[in-house]
């Protein structure tokens, strides 16, 4: 439910007795420098004044000021997810769910049941399989049985697909003559040929198996994704690798009224995206109050779980293999072109070689771009500690996802060994080296749940408290540091438009309302619920009705 708040009168606190606006009260509000019991917001949605005592504020407000009691115990500054995938979140709500499957047999059984329940679906798309849960290598097409309809199933990290026999037959020409210009892609093979798994596949493979989505499908997936993000308690998301087609749908939706969350777009690295920014030079490019194009998303390598992350030395658990870099020179060329057009880059980099290439691209982009461009390294997951000074010199933001650490901790050290793991998921090391952090979820790779991200950042444990004491606990953050990465840090990664990420005078009033005091006891992050968000004068409830004044 969304309730529109009216506001009238002057746009700031004045000595006259009729300032207008809205006085919000109910929970404790976490300010940049303390707490408050009430906040006066002017007609523009900007914080005009904060009050330590709600009862005194209520008694002293003139009649023109609307009183609005908000639900919950604690109001955090509005939480921001600095890296996720809106359309993909929405699409997974309609796909075969493979998360948590403990064997290839379980995946095959879920596929068979889904196919039986959906005879109208010509091509079955699924997401979430994770071969590290099985204790063995990659699966094969034969493991999926003899279903006559094509099935294309993405790994949990989104960086590998698993095809059944029907899908492989449909893509026969791809396997017979793989594209020569596909850096970073690997077709898994055995003595008999392709097995059915492709790591970091190019779009051409998808196009042979599954038709491109219609505009109506994109609109439905985007709406579902945005609603899911708002229900999680987010007021803003940074949508990574958005296609121009997706952007066009988002723009049409935004023209119809407020979006559930503000969307900051980083376009994909397609030729069409570069054509778009060439026609719209200079970022951030506002396409409405809720939609901003901030930059271009590039890729330096793949993912660690599927061994596509590019490493400087061999994988510790796969000698002779160093991952799948996309190519240093090509990456630099794209970053420079984006900067020349006035757009910063956000570069996916997982392995230490991938991060090296990302930093080289950012260094080159800084030479040609405007001084104010804020470049980002997405994930910054395994970093050669010798490269930390380069992060500092470039001013690059480390855009990281805390729940990746708690998902990957079962096998991460086996991939990179005891020395390289010292630079992996190293939030505390980076932050105290002067490298700014912006946190997100990478949903739907992980859940779009900022409270889960905060819990992982503070305790480096699963929600059930494993392992005792946390995994590599020296890299844990304080609650204040983790919260800053989900608020101020995210704004710093995509600056502009008057946002600050704080509750302070002169800033937009944006809050995430919780049912527990996680400030007093951060352990409550594991059980706390988001009740509502407030943004641009709209109170959006997630679980409870709005309380009366």
Protein backbone atom coordinates (compact mmCIF):
# COMPACT_ATOMS: atom_id res chain seq x y z
CA UNK A 1 0.00 0.00 0.00
CA UNK A 2 1.25 3.52 -0.71
CA UNK A 3 -0.12 6.57 1.08
CA UNK A 4 0.60 9.97 -0.42
CA UNK A 5 1.34 12.62 2.15
CA UNK A 6 0.17 16.17 1.42
CA UNK A 7 2.33 19.16 2.37
CA UNK A 8 1.61 22.84 2.28
CA UNK A 9 2.95 26.17 3.45
CA UNK A 10 6.54 27.43 3.57
CA UNK A 11 9.46 25.27 2.46
CA UNK A 12 11.60 25.79 5.57
CA UNK A 13 11.23 26.46 9.30
CA UNK A 14 10.52 30.16 9.89
CA UNK A 15 9.63 32.26 12.89
CA UNK A 16 6.05 32.69 11.69
CA UNK A 17 3.42 30.44 13.32
CA UNK A 18 2.34 28.63 10.14
CA UNK A 19 5.32 26.86 8.51
CA UNK A 20 3.33 23.94 7.06
CA UNK A 21 4.91 20.60 6.18
CA UNK A 22 4.74 17.25 7.97
CA UNK A 23 5.98 16.32 11.43
CA UNK A 24 6.94 12.65 11.51
CA UNK A 25 7.16 10.89 14.87
CA UNK A 26 6.76 7.44 16.44
CA UNK A 27 10.08 5.61 16.10
CA UNK A 28 13.49 6.87 17.12
CA UNK A 29 15.24 8.40 14.11
CA UNK A 30 18.93 7.63 13.65
CA UNK A 31 20.60 10.89 12.68
CA UNK A 32 24.07 11.55 11.34
CA UNK A 33 25.10 12.66 14.83
CA UNK A 34 22.69 11.05 17.29
CA UNK A 35 18.99 10.27 17.55
CA UNK A 36 15.72 12.22 17.41
CA UNK A 37 12.10 11.54 18.30
CA UNK A 38 10.52 13.73 15.61
CA UNK A 39 11.49 15.28 12.29
CA UNK A 40 9.82 18.21 10.54
CA UNK A 41 9.82 17.87 6.74
CA UNK A 42 8.96 20.78 4.47
CA UNK A 43 6.76 20.76 1.37
CA UNK A 44 9.70 19.73 -0.82
CA UNK A 45 10.30 16.60 1.25
CA UNK A 46 13.45 18.09 2.78
CA UNK A 47 14.29 17.87 6.49
CA UNK A 48 13.71 21.29 8.05
CA UNK A 49 14.27 20.53 11.74
CA UNK A 50 14.88 17.62 14.12
CA UNK A 51 13.55 17.30 17.65
CA UNK A 52 14.87 15.33 20.58
CA UNK A 53 11.47 15.30 22.32
CA UNK A 54 8.45 14.25 20.25
CA UNK A 55 5.85 15.37 22.77
CA UNK A 56 7.26 18.88 22.89
CA UNK A 57 7.48 19.01 19.10
CA UNK A 58 3.87 17.88 18.74
CA UNK A 59 2.65 20.40 21.27
CA UNK A 60 4.54 23.26 19.66
CA UNK A 61 3.60 22.68 16.04
CA UNK A 62 1.03 25.04 14.48
CA UNK A 63 -2.17 23.53 13.00
CA UNK A 64 -0.91 23.84 9.42
CA UNK A 65 1.73 21.18 10.12
CA UNK A 66 0.42 17.70 9.46
CA UNK A 67 1.30 15.11 12.11
CA UNK A 68 2.15 11.63 10.88
CA UNK A 69 2.93 8.82 13.27
CA UNK A 70 5.13 6.19 11.65
CA UNK A 71 5.25 2.52 12.63
CA UNK A 72 8.21 0.76 14.16
CA UNK A 73 10.87 1.20 16.78
CA UNK A 74 13.81 2.56 14.79
CA UNK A 75 13.99 4.67 11.63
CA UNK A 76 17.25 4.20 9.77
CA UNK A 77 18.37 6.49 6.97
CA UNK A 78 16.80 5.03 3.83
CA UNK A 79 18.73 1.88 2.88
CA UNK A 80 20.28 1.65 -0.58
CA UNK A 81 21.41 -1.44 -2.47
CA UNK A 82 24.42 -0.40 -4.54
CA UNK A 83 24.47 -3.48 -6.78
CA UNK A 84 21.60 -5.66 -7.93
CA UNK A 85 19.65 -6.64 -11.05
CA UNK A 86 16.04 -5.47 -11.08
CA UNK A 87 14.78 -7.30 -14.17
CA UNK A 88 16.48 -10.53 -13.17
CA UNK A 89 14.94 -10.36 -9.68
CA UNK A 90 11.50 -10.07 -11.23
CA UNK A 91 12.14 -12.82 -13.76
CA UNK A 92 13.27 -15.32 -11.13
CA UNK A 93 9.84 -14.98 -9.51
CA UNK A 94 8.43 -16.74 -12.57
CA UNK A 95 11.23 -19.24 -13.21
CA UNK A 96 12.19 -22.66 -11.97
CA UNK A 97 13.81 -22.12 -8.56
CA UNK A 98 16.89 -24.27 -8.01
CA UNK A 99 18.27 -22.58 -4.92
CA UNK A 100 19.36 -25.04 -2.26
CA UNK A 101 19.19 -28.14 -4.48
CA UNK A 102 21.57 -30.68 -2.91
CA UNK A 103 22.21 -32.91 -5.93
CA UNK A 104 21.84 -33.17 -9.69
CA UNK A 105 19.01 -35.61 -9.06
CA UNK A 106 17.14 -32.98 -7.06
CA UNK A 107 17.62 -30.45 -9.86
CA UNK A 108 16.31 -32.96 -12.40
CA UNK A 109 13.30 -33.70 -10.20
CA UNK A 110 12.48 -29.99 -9.81
CA UNK A 111 12.83 -29.52 -13.55
CA UNK A 112 10.48 -32.42 -14.28
CA UNK A 113 7.89 -31.16 -11.80
CA UNK A 114 8.07 -27.60 -13.14
CA UNK A 115 7.69 -28.83 -16.73
CA UNK A 116 4.67 -30.91 -15.77
CA UNK A 117 3.06 -27.94 -14.00
CA UNK A 118 3.74 -25.55 -16.91
CA UNK A 119 3.05 -27.34 -20.19
CA UNK A 120 2.52 -23.94 -21.85
CA UNK A 121 6.19 -22.91 -21.40
CA UNK A 122 8.16 -23.76 -24.53
CA UNK A 123 11.62 -23.05 -23.07
CA UNK A 124 12.17 -23.58 -19.36
CA UNK A 125 14.49 -21.12 -17.66
CA UNK A 126 15.73 -21.76 -14.13
CA UNK A 127 18.12 -20.21 -11.68
CA UNK A 128 20.07 -21.03 -8.55
CA UNK A 129 21.91 -24.34 -8.94
CA UNK A 130 25.17 -24.53 -7.02
CA UNK A 131 27.47 -27.47 -7.69
CA UNK A 132 29.54 -26.69 -4.57
CA UNK A 133 26.63 -28.10 -2.55
CA UNK A 134 27.13 -31.47 -4.23
CA UNK A 135 30.81 -31.97 -3.50
CA UNK A 136 31.62 -32.68 -7.16
CA UNK A 137 32.43 -30.95 -10.43
CA UNK A 138 30.12 -29.37 -12.97
CA UNK A 139 27.01 -31.34 -13.98
CA UNK A 140 26.20 -32.48 -17.52
CA UNK A 141 23.21 -32.37 -19.85
CA UNK A 142 22.67 -36.07 -19.25
CA UNK A 143 22.02 -35.36 -15.57
CA UNK A 144 18.83 -33.48 -16.54
CA UNK A 145 17.10 -36.44 -18.10
CA UNK A 146 15.23 -36.70 -21.40
CA UNK A 147 12.86 -33.73 -21.23
CA UNK A 148 11.92 -32.84 -24.82
CA UNK A 149 11.61 -29.11 -24.15
CA UNK A 150 14.78 -27.01 -23.97
CA UNK A 151 15.91 -26.01 -20.47
CA UNK A 152 18.56 -23.41 -19.71
CA UNK A 153 19.51 -23.14 -16.05
CA UNK A 154 21.76 -20.41 -14.62
CA UNK A 155 24.17 -21.06 -11.78
CA UNK A 156 23.52 -19.18 -8.54
CA UNK A 157 26.18 -16.58 -9.44
CA UNK A 158 24.72 -16.02 -12.91
CA UNK A 159 28.08 -16.83 -14.52
CA UNK A 160 27.39 -20.31 -15.87
CA UNK A 161 24.50 -22.02 -17.62
CA UNK A 162 23.55 -25.68 -17.65
CA UNK A 163 21.65 -26.94 -20.68
CA UNK A 164 19.64 -30.09 -21.15
CA UNK A 165 19.90 -32.19 -24.28
CA UNK A 166 17.06 -30.41 -26.07
CA UNK A 167 18.67 -27.02 -25.46
CA UNK A 168 22.03 -28.27 -26.69
CA UNK A 169 20.38 -29.57 -29.85
CA UNK A 170 18.75 -26.19 -30.46
CA UNK A 171 22.13 -24.50 -30.00
CA UNK A 172 24.02 -27.05 -32.13
CA UNK A 173 25.52 -24.41 -34.41
CA UNK A 174 26.93 -22.55 -31.41
CA UNK A 175 28.78 -25.59 -30.14
CA UNK A 176 29.98 -26.57 -33.62
CA UNK A 177 31.39 -23.10 -34.30
CA UNK A 178 31.74 -21.09 -31.08
CA UNK A 179 32.11 -17.35 -31.57
CA UNK A 180 35.76 -16.36 -31.87
CA UNK A 181 35.24 -12.98 -30.20
CA UNK A 182 33.98 -14.22 -26.82
CA UNK A 183 36.72 -13.45 -24.28
CA UNK A 184 35.93 -14.84 -20.86
CA UNK A 185 33.66 -17.65 -22.10
CA UNK A 186 34.46 -21.32 -21.61
CA UNK A 187 32.56 -24.32 -22.97
CA UNK A 188 33.01 -27.27 -20.63
CA UNK A 189 34.02 -30.42 -22.53
CA UNK A 190 34.87 -34.05 -21.93
CA UNK A 191 36.14 -36.78 -24.21
CA UNK A 192 32.82 -36.77 -26.09
CA UNK A 193 32.55 -33.01 -26.62
CA UNK A 194 30.54 -30.24 -24.89
CA UNK A 195 29.00 -31.41 -21.62
CA UNK A 196 26.15 -28.91 -21.36
CA UNK A 197 27.76 -26.29 -19.08
CA UNK A 198 29.04 -22.99 -20.44
CA UNK A 199 30.85 -20.56 -18.13
CA UNK A 200 30.16 -16.87 -18.80
CA UNK A 201 28.18 -17.51 -21.99
CA UNK A 202 27.67 -14.81 -24.59
CA UNK A 203 24.23 -13.56 -25.56
CA UNK A 204 24.35 -15.51 -28.82
CA UNK A 205 23.85 -18.78 -26.92
CA UNK A 206 20.74 -17.47 -25.17
CA UNK A 207 19.35 -16.13 -28.44
CA UNK A 208 19.54 -19.56 -30.08
CA UNK A 209 17.66 -21.25 -27.24
CA UNK A 210 15.23 -18.71 -25.84
CA UNK A 211 13.52 -15.85 -27.70
CA UNK A 212 14.25 -12.34 -26.44
CA UNK A 213 11.68 -11.06 -23.93
CA UNK A 214 8.83 -8.94 -25.14
CA UNK A 215 8.29 -5.41 -23.87
CA UNK A 216 5.34 -6.69 -21.82
CA UNK A 217 7.51 -9.35 -20.19
CA UNK A 218 10.21 -6.81 -19.39
CA UNK A 219 7.65 -4.48 -17.86
CA UNK A 220 6.22 -7.27 -15.72
CA UNK A 221 9.64 -8.43 -14.52
CA UNK A 222 10.83 -4.90 -13.80
CA UNK A 223 7.69 -4.07 -11.82
CA UNK A 224 8.00 -7.28 -9.81
CA UNK A 225 11.67 -6.60 -9.18
CA UNK A 226 11.06 -3.04 -8.02
CA UNK A 227 8.25 -4.12 -5.69
CA UNK A 228 10.48 -6.83 -4.20
CA UNK A 229 13.18 -4.25 -3.53
CA UNK A 230 10.75 -1.85 -1.87
CA UNK A 231 9.30 -4.65 0.26
CA UNK A 232 12.84 -5.44 1.44
CA UNK A 233 13.10 -1.91 2.86
CA UNK A 234 15.14 -0.23 0.15
CA UNK A 235 14.57 3.34 -1.01
CA UNK A 236 17.11 3.21 -3.86
CA UNK A 237 18.80 0.54 -5.97
CA UNK A 238 21.71 0.61 -8.39
CA UNK A 239 20.67 -1.55 -11.31
CA UNK A 240 23.73 -3.11 -12.93
CA UNK A 241 24.15 -3.94 -16.62
CA UNK A 242 20.75 -2.55 -17.63
CA UNK A 243 20.05 -2.96 -21.33
CA UNK A 244 18.73 -0.01 -23.36
CA UNK A 245 15.51 -2.00 -23.86
CA UNK A 246 15.11 -2.34 -20.09
CA UNK A 247 15.90 1.34 -19.62
CA UNK A 248 13.18 2.28 -22.11
CA UNK A 249 10.63 0.25 -20.14
CA UNK A 250 11.78 1.79 -16.85
CA UNK A 251 11.44 5.25 -18.37
CA UNK A 252 7.90 4.48 -19.48
CA UNK A 253 7.00 3.15 -16.02
CA UNK A 254 8.54 6.19 -14.33
CA UNK A 255 6.52 8.51 -16.57
CA UNK A 256 3.35 6.93 -15.19
CA UNK A 257 4.03 7.89 -11.56
CA UNK A 258 6.46 7.31 -8.71
CA UNK A 259 8.42 4.06 -8.84
CA UNK A 260 8.49 1.89 -5.70
CA UNK A 261 12.20 2.72 -5.32
CA UNK A 262 14.58 5.17 -6.97
CA UNK A 263 16.59 3.44 -9.70
CA UNK A 264 20.17 4.41 -10.50
CA UNK A 265 21.10 2.71 -13.77
CA UNK A 266 24.48 1.48 -14.96
CA UNK A 267 23.98 0.47 -18.58
CA UNK A 268 25.45 -2.74 -19.98
CA UNK A 269 28.52 -2.60 -22.19
CA UNK A 270 26.71 -3.32 -25.46
CA UNK A 271 27.15 -1.22 -28.58
CA UNK A 272 23.58 -0.01 -28.09
CA UNK A 273 24.45 1.33 -24.63
CA UNK A 274 27.44 3.23 -25.95
CA UNK A 275 25.20 4.68 -28.65
CA UNK A 276 22.76 5.77 -25.92
CA UNK A 277 25.36 7.60 -23.85
CA UNK A 278 26.82 9.17 -27.00
CA UNK A 279 23.39 10.69 -27.56
CA UNK A 280 23.07 11.72 -23.91
CA UNK A 281 26.56 12.89 -22.92
CA UNK A 282 27.30 13.57 -19.28
CA UNK A 283 26.24 11.69 -16.15
CA UNK A 284 24.22 11.57 -13.99
CA UNK A 285 21.43 11.80 -16.53
CA UNK A 286 18.05 12.18 -14.80
CA UNK A 287 15.15 10.70 -16.77
CA UNK A 288 12.69 11.65 -14.05
CA UNK A 289 12.73 12.00 -10.26
CA UNK A 290 13.00 8.22 -9.78
CA UNK A 291 15.27 7.20 -12.68
CA UNK A 292 18.88 8.22 -13.23
CA UNK A 293 21.51 6.89 -15.63
CA UNK A 294 24.81 7.07 -13.77
CA UNK A 295 27.35 5.05 -15.73
CA UNK A 296 28.37 1.98 -17.72
CA UNK A 297 28.89 -1.52 -16.28
CA UNK A 298 31.93 -3.41 -17.62
CA UNK A 299 33.33 -6.88 -16.92
CA UNK A 300 36.92 -7.80 -16.14
CA UNK A 301 36.30 -11.50 -15.40
CA UNK A 302 33.78 -14.07 -14.19
CA UNK A 303 32.91 -15.49 -10.76
CA UNK A 304 34.93 -17.41 -8.18
CA UNK A 305 32.36 -20.15 -7.64
CA UNK A 306 32.43 -21.17 -11.31
CA UNK A 307 36.21 -20.52 -11.50
CA UNK A 308 35.79 -17.74 -14.02
CA UNK A 309 37.36 -15.14 -11.71
CA UNK A 310 40.73 -14.17 -13.21
CA UNK A 311 43.69 -14.88 -10.90
CA UNK A 312 47.34 -13.92 -11.21
CA UNK A 313 48.37 -17.45 -10.28
CA UNK A 314 46.69 -20.85 -10.59
CA UNK A 315 43.58 -21.71 -8.64
CA UNK A 316 44.67 -23.54 -5.51
CA UNK A 317 42.11 -26.27 -6.20
CA UNK A 318 42.58 -26.40 -9.99
CA UNK A 319 46.20 -26.28 -11.02
CA UNK A 320 46.83 -24.99 -14.52
CA UNK A 321 43.69 -22.83 -14.49
CA UNK A 322 43.70 -19.08 -13.80
CA UNK A 323 40.15 -18.10 -14.69
CA UNK A 324 38.61 -16.21 -17.59
CA UNK A 325 39.70 -12.59 -18.00
CA UNK A 326 37.75 -10.60 -20.58
CA UNK A 327 40.90 -8.87 -21.83
CA UNK A 328 42.83 -5.94 -20.40
CA UNK A 329 43.13 -3.81 -23.53
CA UNK A 330 39.50 -4.17 -24.54
CA UNK A 331 38.41 -3.26 -21.02
CA UNK A 332 40.60 -0.17 -21.04
CA UNK A 333 39.23 0.91 -24.41
CA UNK A 334 35.63 0.71 -23.19
CA UNK A 335 36.39 2.57 -19.95
CA UNK A 336 38.15 5.35 -21.84
CA UNK A 337 35.28 5.69 -24.32
CA UNK A 338 32.73 5.94 -21.50
CA UNK A 339 34.81 8.57 -19.70
CA UNK A 340 35.21 10.58 -22.90
CA UNK A 341 31.41 10.72 -23.10
CA UNK A 342 31.19 11.88 -19.49
CA UNK A 343 30.20 8.59 -17.85
CA UNK A 344 32.02 6.72 -15.07
CA UNK A 345 32.45 2.95 -15.16
CA UNK A 346 31.47 0.26 -12.69
CA UNK A 347 33.70 -2.73 -13.42
CA UNK A 348 32.87 -6.28 -12.32
CA UNK A 349 36.11 -7.71 -10.91
CA UNK A 350 36.31 -10.81 -8.74
CA UNK A 351 39.84 -12.25 -8.97
CA UNK A 352 43.10 -10.46 -8.20
CA UNK A 353 43.97 -10.29 -11.91
CA UNK A 354 40.45 -9.06 -12.67
CA UNK A 355 40.88 -6.31 -10.09
CA UNK A 356 44.29 -5.45 -11.55
CA UNK A 357 42.68 -5.06 -14.99
CA UNK A 358 39.80 -3.03 -13.55
CA UNK A 359 42.20 -0.63 -11.85
CA UNK A 360 44.18 -0.27 -15.08
CA UNK A 361 40.98 0.64 -16.91
CA UNK A 362 40.01 3.17 -14.23
CA UNK A 363 43.49 4.67 -14.29
CA UNK A 364 43.17 5.16 -18.04
CA UNK A 365 39.64 6.57 -17.72
CA UNK A 366 40.81 9.12 -15.18
CA UNK A 367 43.29 10.47 -17.71
CA UNK A 368 40.55 11.45 -20.18
CA UNK A 369 37.42 11.91 -18.08
CA UNK A 370 36.19 14.84 -16.04
CA UNK A 371 37.76 15.04 -12.57
CA UNK A 372 34.43 14.50 -10.84
CA UNK A 373 33.66 11.09 -12.35
CA UNK A 374 33.33 8.43 -9.63
CA UNK A 375 34.48 5.05 -10.89
CA UNK A 376 33.68 1.80 -9.11
CA UNK A 377 34.97 -1.75 -8.83
CA UNK A 378 32.03 -4.10 -8.42
CA UNK A 379 32.65 -6.97 -5.98
CA UNK A 380 36.40 -6.24 -5.44
CA UNK A 381 36.34 -9.74 -4.08
CA UNK A 382 39.92 -11.09 -4.18
CA UNK A 383 42.49 -8.29 -4.20
CA UNK A 384 46.26 -8.50 -4.30
CA UNK A 385 47.18 -6.49 -1.20
CA UNK A 386 49.90 -4.83 -3.24
CA UNK A 387 47.14 -3.21 -5.34
CA UNK A 388 45.44 -1.43 -2.43
CA UNK A 389 47.46 1.73 -3.00
CA UNK A 390 46.14 1.83 -6.58
CA UNK A 391 42.60 1.79 -5.21
CA UNK A 392 43.46 4.76 -3.03
CA UNK A 393 45.17 6.70 -5.84
CA UNK A 394 42.29 6.24 -8.27
CA UNK A 395 39.62 7.08 -5.70
CA UNK A 396 37.70 4.02 -6.90
CA UNK A 397 34.75 2.88 -4.80
CA UNK A 398 34.83 -0.74 -3.65
CA UNK A 399 31.25 -1.81 -4.31
CA UNK A 400 30.91 -5.04 -2.35
CA UNK A 401 28.23 -7.47 -1.18
CA UNK A 402 28.57 -8.73 2.41
CA UNK A 403 26.42 -11.85 1.97
CA UNK A 404 28.80 -13.08 -0.76
CA UNK A 405 31.32 -13.74 2.01
CA UNK A 406 28.93 -15.81 4.10
CA UNK A 407 27.76 -17.74 1.03
CA UNK A 408 31.27 -18.38 -0.30
CA UNK A 409 33.11 -19.08 2.96
CA UNK A 410 32.55 -22.86 2.61
CA UNK A 411 34.95 -23.06 -0.34
CA UNK A 412 36.60 -19.65 -0.92
CA UNK A 413 39.93 -20.44 0.73
CA UNK A 414 40.16 -23.72 -1.17
CA UNK A 415 39.91 -21.71 -4.40
CA UNK A 416 42.64 -19.17 -3.60
CA UNK A 417 44.72 -20.60 -0.72
CA UNK A 418 45.74 -19.18 2.67
CA UNK A 419 47.74 -16.19 1.36
CA UNK A 420 45.37 -14.78 -1.27
CA UNK A 421 42.41 -15.17 1.08
CA UNK A 422 43.92 -12.33 3.15
CA UNK A 423 42.84 -9.91 0.42
CA UNK A 424 39.43 -11.51 -0.09
CA UNK A 425 36.11 -10.09 1.19
CA UNK A 426 38.39 -7.71 3.10
CA UNK A 427 35.96 -4.94 4.06
CA UNK A 428 37.77 -3.79 7.17
CA UNK A 429 41.16 -3.76 5.46
CA UNK A 430 39.83 -1.70 2.57
CA UNK A 431 37.86 0.74 4.69
CA UNK A 432 40.77 1.49 7.01
CA UNK A 433 43.10 1.88 4.06
CA UNK A 434 40.94 4.80 2.98
CA UNK A 435 39.02 2.97 0.24
CA UNK A 436 35.31 3.94 0.25
CA UNK A 437 32.81 1.10 0.54
CA UNK A 438 29.36 0.83 -1.04
CA UNK A 439 27.33 -2.24 -0.11
CA UNK A 440 24.63 -4.17 -1.94
CA UNK A 441 23.32 -7.69 -2.45
CA UNK A 442 23.87 -8.64 -6.12
CA UNK A 443 20.29 -9.95 -6.01
CA UNK A 444 19.05 -12.37 -7.18
CA UNK A 445 22.46 -14.00 -6.63
CA UNK A 446 21.75 -13.24 -2.98
CA UNK A 447 18.48 -12.05 -1.41
CA UNK A 448 17.64 -8.37 -1.83
CA UNK A 449 17.56 -8.07 1.97
CA UNK A 450 19.64 -5.21 3.38
CA UNK A 451 19.25 -6.46 6.95
CA UNK A 452 20.88 -9.75 5.95
CA UNK A 453 23.69 -7.74 4.38
CA UNK A 454 24.13 -5.67 7.54
CA UNK A 455 24.19 -8.83 9.68
CA UNK A 456 26.83 -10.45 7.45
CA UNK A 457 28.96 -7.29 7.49
CA UNK A 458 28.90 -6.98 11.29
CA UNK A 459 29.17 -10.66 12.29
CA UNK A 460 30.51 -12.49 9.19
CA UNK A 461 28.18 -15.34 10.04
CA UNK A 462 25.13 -16.99 8.55
CA UNK A 463 21.74 -16.12 10.01
CA UNK A 464 22.05 -19.24 12.20
CA UNK A 465 25.31 -18.00 13.73
CA UNK A 466 27.81 -20.11 11.81
CA UNK A 467 30.70 -20.25 12.20
CA UNK A 468 31.06 -19.38 15.91
CA UNK A 469 32.91 -16.10 16.18
CA UNK A 470 32.55 -15.40 12.48
CA UNK A 471 34.59 -16.24 9.40
CA UNK A 472 37.83 -14.25 9.34
CA UNK A 473 36.33 -11.92 11.96
CA UNK A 474 39.11 -9.34 11.70
CA UNK A 475 37.40 -8.16 8.51
CA UNK A 476 34.06 -7.50 10.25
CA UNK A 477 32.73 -3.94 10.50
CA UNK A 478 30.96 -2.08 13.24
CA UNK A 479 27.23 -1.50 12.80
CA UNK A 480 27.87 2.18 12.07
CA UNK A 481 30.46 1.34 9.39
CA UNK A 482 28.21 -1.25 7.75
CA UNK A 483 25.20 1.08 7.80
CA UNK A 484 27.28 3.84 6.23
CA UNK A 485 28.15 1.52 3.32
CA UNK A 486 24.42 0.89 2.72
CA UNK A 487 23.62 4.63 2.86
CA UNK A 488 26.29 7.33 2.61
CA UNK A 489 28.70 5.02 0.77
CA UNK A 490 26.11 4.08 -1.82
CA UNK A 491 25.35 7.76 -2.46
CA UNK A 492 29.06 8.48 -2.75
CA UNK A 493 29.32 5.73 -5.38
CA UNK A 494 26.63 7.44 -7.49
CA UNK A 495 26.61 11.07 -6.36
CA UNK A 496 24.26 13.88 -7.28
CA UNK A 497 20.58 14.84 -7.11
CA UNK A 498 20.80 16.27 -3.61
CA UNK A 499 20.93 12.91 -1.81
CA UNK A 500 23.20 12.49 1.21
CA UNK A 501 22.32 9.10 2.70
CA UNK A 502 21.87 10.78 6.10
CA UNK A 503 19.03 12.10 8.21
CA UNK A 504 20.14 15.69 8.63
CA UNK A 505 18.80 19.16 8.04
CA UNK A 506 18.67 20.01 4.34
CA UNK A 507 18.64 16.36 3.19
CA UNK A 508 15.68 14.54 1.63
CA UNK A 509 13.61 12.69 4.22
CA UNK A 510 14.07 9.00 3.37
CA UNK A 511 13.84 6.30 6.03
CA UNK A 512 13.60 2.55 6.49
CA UNK A 513 11.40 1.65 9.48
CA UNK A 514 12.22 -1.43 11.58
CA UNK A 515 10.34 -3.26 14.32
CA UNK A 516 13.44 -3.70 16.50
CA UNK A 517 16.21 -1.54 17.91
CA UNK A 518 19.14 -2.96 15.95
CA UNK A 519 21.22 0.03 17.00
CA UNK A 520 21.12 -1.07 20.63
CA UNK A 521 21.55 -4.75 19.74
CA UNK A 522 22.88 -5.45 16.21
CA UNK A 523 22.18 -9.17 16.76
CA UNK A 524 18.52 -8.26 16.21
CA UNK A 525 19.37 -7.77 12.53
CA UNK A 526 18.87 -11.51 12.22
CA UNK A 527 15.22 -11.25 13.32
CA UNK A 528 14.19 -7.65 12.69
CA UNK A 529 11.52 -6.87 10.12
CA UNK A 530 11.13 -3.91 7.83
CA UNK A 531 7.71 -2.35 8.37
CA UNK A 532 7.74 0.53 5.91
CA UNK A 533 9.79 3.04 3.99
CA UNK A 534 9.26 6.75 3.47
CA UNK A 535 10.50 8.49 0.34
CA UNK A 536 9.39 11.64 -1.47
CA UNK A 537 6.42 12.04 0.88
CA UNK A 538 5.16 8.49 0.34
CA UNK A 539 4.80 6.02 3.18
CA UNK A 540 5.04 2.54 1.71
CA UNK A 541 3.94 -0.18 4.11
CA UNK A 542 5.35 -3.67 3.83
CA UNK A 543 3.72 -5.64 6.62
CA UNK A 544 1.51 -3.49 8.85
CA UNK A 545 -1.16 -0.81 8.40
CA UNK A 546 -0.26 2.82 8.98
CA UNK A 547 -0.74 3.82 12.58
CA UNK A 548 -3.11 6.69 13.32
CA UNK A 549 -1.60 9.94 14.66
